[in-house]
Protein backbone atom coordinates (compact mmCIF):
# COMPACT_ATOMS: atom_id res chain seq x y z
CA MET A 1 -128.09 183.01 8.97
CA THR A 2 -126.27 181.13 11.72
CA ALA A 3 -126.69 177.65 13.09
CA THR A 4 -127.27 176.76 16.71
CA ASP A 5 -125.28 173.57 17.45
CA ALA A 6 -126.19 171.65 14.27
CA ASP A 7 -128.01 173.19 11.35
CA ASP A 8 -131.43 172.08 12.68
CA LEU A 9 -132.08 175.31 14.59
CA LEU A 10 -131.31 178.54 12.76
CA VAL A 11 -131.25 182.17 13.92
CA ASP A 12 -131.36 185.08 11.56
CA LEU A 13 -131.41 188.78 12.52
CA ALA A 14 -132.13 191.50 9.98
CA GLU A 15 -133.32 195.07 10.59
CA GLY A 16 -134.51 194.28 14.12
CA ILE A 17 -136.43 191.16 13.15
CA ALA A 18 -135.06 187.87 14.54
CA THR A 19 -136.23 184.66 12.90
CA LEU A 20 -135.87 181.37 14.70
CA THR A 21 -136.29 178.44 12.33
CA LEU A 22 -137.01 174.84 13.28
CA ASN A 23 -135.01 173.18 10.55
CA ARG A 24 -135.89 169.45 10.81
CA PRO A 25 -138.06 169.03 7.71
CA HIS A 26 -137.32 165.31 7.43
CA MET A 27 -139.17 164.83 10.71
CA ARG A 28 -141.72 167.60 10.30
CA ASN A 29 -139.80 169.64 12.82
CA ALA A 30 -140.76 167.37 15.73
CA VAL A 31 -139.17 168.27 19.06
CA ASP A 32 -137.71 166.60 22.13
CA PRO A 33 -136.37 167.98 25.45
CA ALA A 34 -132.79 168.52 24.26
CA TYR A 35 -134.00 170.43 21.21
CA LEU A 36 -136.41 172.51 23.30
CA ARG A 37 -133.60 173.49 25.68
CA ARG A 38 -131.80 174.99 22.72
CA MET A 39 -134.98 176.81 21.63
CA ILE A 40 -135.47 178.23 25.12
CA ASP A 41 -131.88 179.45 25.20
CA ALA A 42 -132.23 181.01 21.76
CA VAL A 43 -135.52 182.83 22.59
CA ARG A 44 -134.08 184.17 25.86
CA SER A 45 -130.93 185.38 24.09
CA LEU A 46 -133.05 187.17 21.46
CA ASP A 47 -135.23 188.66 24.21
CA ASP A 48 -132.14 190.09 25.89
CA ASP A 49 -130.60 191.37 22.64
CA PRO A 50 -131.28 195.16 22.29
CA ALA A 51 -130.93 194.83 18.52
CA VAL A 52 -134.01 192.59 18.36
CA ARG A 53 -137.41 194.23 18.17
CA VAL A 54 -139.59 191.31 17.00
CA ILE A 55 -139.12 187.56 17.15
CA VAL A 56 -140.53 185.26 14.48
CA LEU A 57 -140.79 181.49 15.00
CA ARG A 58 -141.12 179.35 11.87
CA GLY A 59 -140.56 175.80 10.62
CA SER A 60 -138.87 174.70 7.41
CA GLY A 61 -140.38 172.22 4.96
CA LYS A 62 -144.10 171.31 4.71
CA SER A 63 -144.95 171.67 8.40
CA PHE A 64 -144.42 174.14 11.20
CA CYS A 65 -144.02 171.39 13.80
CA ALA A 66 -145.60 167.95 14.38
CA GLY A 67 -145.19 168.00 18.17
CA GLY A 68 -143.04 165.57 20.17
CA THR A 69 -140.89 163.00 18.40
CA LEU A 70 -142.10 159.37 18.48
CA ASP A 71 -138.91 158.26 20.23
CA PHE A 72 -139.60 160.82 22.97
CA LEU A 73 -143.20 159.65 23.40
CA ARG A 74 -142.08 156.04 23.68
CA SER A 75 -139.60 156.98 26.35
CA LEU A 76 -142.09 158.61 28.68
CA PRO A 77 -143.40 155.52 30.62
CA ASP A 78 -139.82 154.53 31.53
CA MET A 79 -139.05 157.87 33.18
CA ASP A 80 -139.51 158.38 36.91
CA ASP A 81 -141.57 161.31 38.18
CA ALA A 82 -138.58 163.53 38.81
CA GLN A 83 -137.35 163.03 35.24
CA LEU A 84 -140.77 163.82 33.90
CA ARG A 85 -141.23 166.88 36.03
CA ASP A 86 -137.72 168.33 36.05
CA SER A 87 -136.50 167.41 32.57
CA VAL A 88 -139.42 166.84 30.30
CA TYR A 89 -141.86 169.54 31.45
CA GLU A 90 -139.10 171.92 32.36
CA CYS A 91 -138.43 171.88 28.59
CA PHE A 92 -141.92 171.50 27.13
CA GLN A 93 -143.56 173.89 29.49
CA GLY A 94 -140.37 175.92 29.41
CA ILE A 95 -140.69 176.84 25.75
CA THR A 96 -144.32 177.98 26.05
CA ARG A 97 -143.50 179.87 29.25
CA THR A 98 -140.50 181.54 27.56
CA LEU A 99 -142.56 182.57 24.55
CA HIS A 100 -145.57 183.72 26.64
CA GLN A 101 -143.40 185.78 28.94
CA CYS A 102 -141.13 187.23 26.22
CA ARG A 103 -140.96 191.03 26.49
CA LYS A 104 -140.81 191.47 22.76
CA PRO A 105 -143.59 190.78 20.23
CA THR A 106 -143.59 187.16 19.05
CA ILE A 107 -145.06 185.88 15.73
CA VAL A 108 -145.57 182.29 14.64
CA SER A 109 -145.35 181.85 10.89
CA ALA A 110 -146.77 178.45 10.14
CA GLN A 111 -147.59 176.11 7.26
CA GLY A 112 -148.97 172.63 7.38
CA ALA A 113 -149.14 170.83 10.78
CA VAL A 114 -149.24 172.82 14.02
CA VAL A 115 -149.74 169.85 16.28
CA GLY A 116 -149.59 169.11 20.04
CA ALA A 117 -146.74 171.03 21.63
CA ALA A 118 -146.52 173.21 18.53
CA CYS A 119 -150.12 174.26 18.98
CA GLU A 120 -149.38 175.23 22.53
CA MET A 121 -146.29 177.20 21.37
CA ALA A 122 -148.39 179.01 18.84
CA ALA A 123 -151.11 179.87 21.40
CA ALA A 124 -148.35 181.25 23.66
CA CYS A 125 -147.19 183.74 21.04
CA ASP A 126 -148.74 187.17 20.31
CA PHE A 127 -149.54 186.61 16.63
CA ARG A 128 -150.07 183.72 14.23
CA ILE A 129 -149.60 184.21 10.47
CA VAL A 130 -150.46 180.98 8.63
CA SER A 131 -150.71 179.60 5.13
CA GLU A 132 -153.91 178.23 3.68
CA ASP A 133 -152.77 174.65 4.20
CA ALA A 134 -152.03 175.12 7.88
CA PHE A 135 -154.04 173.38 10.62
CA PHE A 136 -154.03 173.39 14.42
CA LEU A 137 -154.43 170.12 16.28
CA GLU A 138 -154.42 169.39 19.97
CA ASN A 139 -154.13 165.59 19.72
CA TRP A 140 -153.15 164.89 23.35
CA VAL A 141 -156.43 163.18 24.13
CA ASP A 142 -155.69 160.58 21.41
CA LEU A 143 -152.65 159.64 23.50
CA GLY A 144 -154.69 159.50 26.68
CA LEU A 145 -153.13 162.75 27.86
CA ILE A 146 -154.02 166.47 28.46
CA PRO A 147 -152.48 169.54 26.88
CA PRO A 148 -150.10 170.43 29.73
CA LEU A 149 -148.17 173.32 28.28
CA GLY A 150 -150.65 176.15 28.79
CA GLY A 151 -153.26 175.32 26.11
CA LEU A 152 -156.00 174.53 28.65
CA PHE A 153 -155.59 178.05 29.93
CA LEU A 154 -154.83 179.95 26.68
CA LEU A 155 -157.11 178.33 24.11
CA PRO A 156 -160.43 179.18 25.78
CA ARG A 157 -159.28 182.78 25.88
CA LEU A 158 -158.39 182.71 22.18
CA VAL A 159 -161.22 180.71 20.63
CA GLY A 160 -163.93 180.47 23.40
CA LEU A 161 -164.71 177.58 25.73
CA GLY A 162 -166.98 175.74 23.31
CA LYS A 163 -164.36 175.48 20.53
CA ALA A 164 -161.59 174.79 23.04
CA ASN A 165 -163.68 171.87 24.26
CA GLU A 166 -163.81 170.48 20.71
CA MET A 167 -160.11 170.94 20.22
CA VAL A 168 -158.90 169.38 23.46
CA MET A 169 -161.64 166.87 24.28
CA LEU A 170 -162.37 165.63 20.76
CA GLY A 171 -158.97 166.28 19.22
CA GLU A 172 -160.59 168.12 16.34
CA ARG A 173 -158.41 169.63 13.62
CA VAL A 174 -158.88 173.36 13.01
CA PRO A 175 -158.00 174.35 9.46
CA ALA A 176 -156.52 177.76 8.66
CA ALA A 177 -159.75 179.48 7.54
CA GLU A 178 -161.59 178.41 10.64
CA ALA A 179 -158.64 179.42 12.79
CA LYS A 180 -158.86 182.89 11.30
CA ALA A 181 -162.58 183.12 11.99
CA LEU A 182 -162.02 182.03 15.60
CA GLY A 183 -159.14 184.39 16.31
CA LEU A 184 -156.56 181.65 16.55
CA ALA A 185 -154.89 182.91 13.36
CA ASN A 186 -154.37 186.62 12.67
CA ARG A 187 -153.67 186.29 8.97
CA VAL A 188 -154.19 183.49 6.41
CA VAL A 189 -152.31 183.71 3.11
CA PRO A 190 -151.34 181.45 0.24
CA LEU A 191 -148.28 179.36 1.02
CA VAL A 192 -146.19 181.20 -1.54
CA ALA A 193 -146.94 184.47 0.22
CA LEU A 194 -146.29 183.26 3.81
CA GLU A 195 -142.76 184.50 4.12
CA ALA A 196 -143.43 187.87 2.60
CA GLU A 197 -146.61 188.49 4.66
CA THR A 198 -144.83 187.48 7.85
CA ARG A 199 -142.04 189.88 7.07
CA ARG A 200 -144.41 192.69 6.30
CA PHE A 201 -146.31 192.04 9.52
CA ALA A 202 -143.07 191.97 11.55
CA GLU A 203 -141.81 195.14 10.00
CA GLY A 204 -145.00 196.90 11.04
CA LEU A 205 -144.41 195.80 14.65
CA ALA A 206 -140.75 196.68 14.51
CA ALA A 207 -141.63 200.22 13.52
CA LYS A 208 -143.70 200.74 16.71
CA SER A 209 -142.26 201.99 20.05
CA ALA A 210 -140.45 199.06 21.65
CA ASN A 211 -141.08 200.45 25.11
CA ALA A 212 -144.81 200.86 24.45
CA LEU A 213 -145.09 197.34 23.07
CA ARG A 214 -143.34 195.94 26.14
CA VAL A 215 -145.67 197.72 28.53
CA ILE A 216 -148.73 196.80 26.44
CA LYS A 217 -147.70 193.13 26.61
CA GLN A 218 -147.30 193.35 30.37
CA GLY A 219 -150.79 194.86 30.70
CA LEU A 220 -152.41 192.31 28.41
CA ARG A 221 -150.77 189.41 30.35
CA ARG A 222 -151.85 190.85 33.71
CA GLY A 223 -155.45 191.05 32.50
CA GLN A 224 -155.37 187.55 31.11
CA GLU A 225 -153.66 185.59 33.79
CA ASN A 226 -155.45 184.34 36.91
CA SER A 227 -153.20 182.48 36.82
CA ILE A 228 -151.43 180.44 34.14
CA ALA A 229 -148.63 179.62 36.62
CA GLY A 230 -151.12 177.63 38.68
CA GLU A 231 -152.28 175.79 35.55
CA TRP A 232 -148.74 174.85 34.55
CA GLU A 233 -148.18 173.37 38.01
CA PHE A 234 -151.48 171.48 38.09
CA ASN A 235 -151.09 170.11 34.59
CA VAL A 236 -147.72 168.56 35.29
CA HIS A 237 -149.09 166.60 38.24
CA ALA A 238 -152.15 165.53 36.26
CA GLN A 239 -150.06 164.47 33.29
CA LEU A 240 -147.77 162.27 35.38
CA GLY A 241 -150.78 160.21 36.46
CA LEU A 242 -151.98 159.87 32.90
CA ILE A 243 -148.54 158.73 31.66
CA ARG A 244 -148.60 156.01 34.34
CA GLY A 245 -152.14 154.99 33.36
CA PRO A 246 -153.24 152.20 31.00
CA ASP A 247 -154.09 154.27 27.94
CA PHE A 248 -150.93 156.22 27.05
CA GLN A 249 -148.58 153.33 26.27
CA ARG A 250 -151.31 151.57 24.26
CA PHE A 251 -151.97 154.68 22.20
CA VAL A 252 -148.27 155.37 21.60
CA GLU A 253 -147.76 151.73 20.45
CA SER A 254 -150.63 152.11 17.95
CA LEU A 255 -148.72 154.92 16.26
CA ASP A 256 -146.49 152.32 14.62
CA GLY A 257 -149.48 151.21 12.61
């Protein structure tokens, strides 16, 4: 296993299966733009590597990822529109875009919290293998914001419009068993079996024709998208207005309590 910059983003490649590990357990693997830039670079490098057949995204510790860091959220109102659009959403949308458009099969292996940006990352991947304690949460509305990274497009296609409404308008938590019933999770296993089941699942994919999987992914994306690119663009503009509005800063300040 090798480290990317510091030891908080790890890449491992074995027998065609690349594992990208968010290794910030002390902060529940929360992310910020600088960290996401490194994630994007890592995923693109793995996508270009002919030795890689499957990409697994996982988090160390008790959670997969708790979303954006509190310091990052507090910094948003002080950024101008260009910073928000070109820096922040280039990174936050960038990781979901990179995962969604990846030519190789992508698997999220998740335990604990899959919150905010992490929920959008998971929705952008092909498969989600989760432990029994995992939960998905789109908590943007509780910050006075929208899910701007593709979730408004992808979630209704995964779980249906009614459940997507509950997730994004009410901020309702979806536990692992319900996620499996809805199609948001492909497998639910005990926490102690998560790593082994993810590996078994990845090995099954790695044994398939890489060319066939690539073309299948292209076909599935074409049938699904009408078009997510337009949603990404619209959501950035909408989110800028909400960040400037009266609710966001008040909600972020309440997180201290």
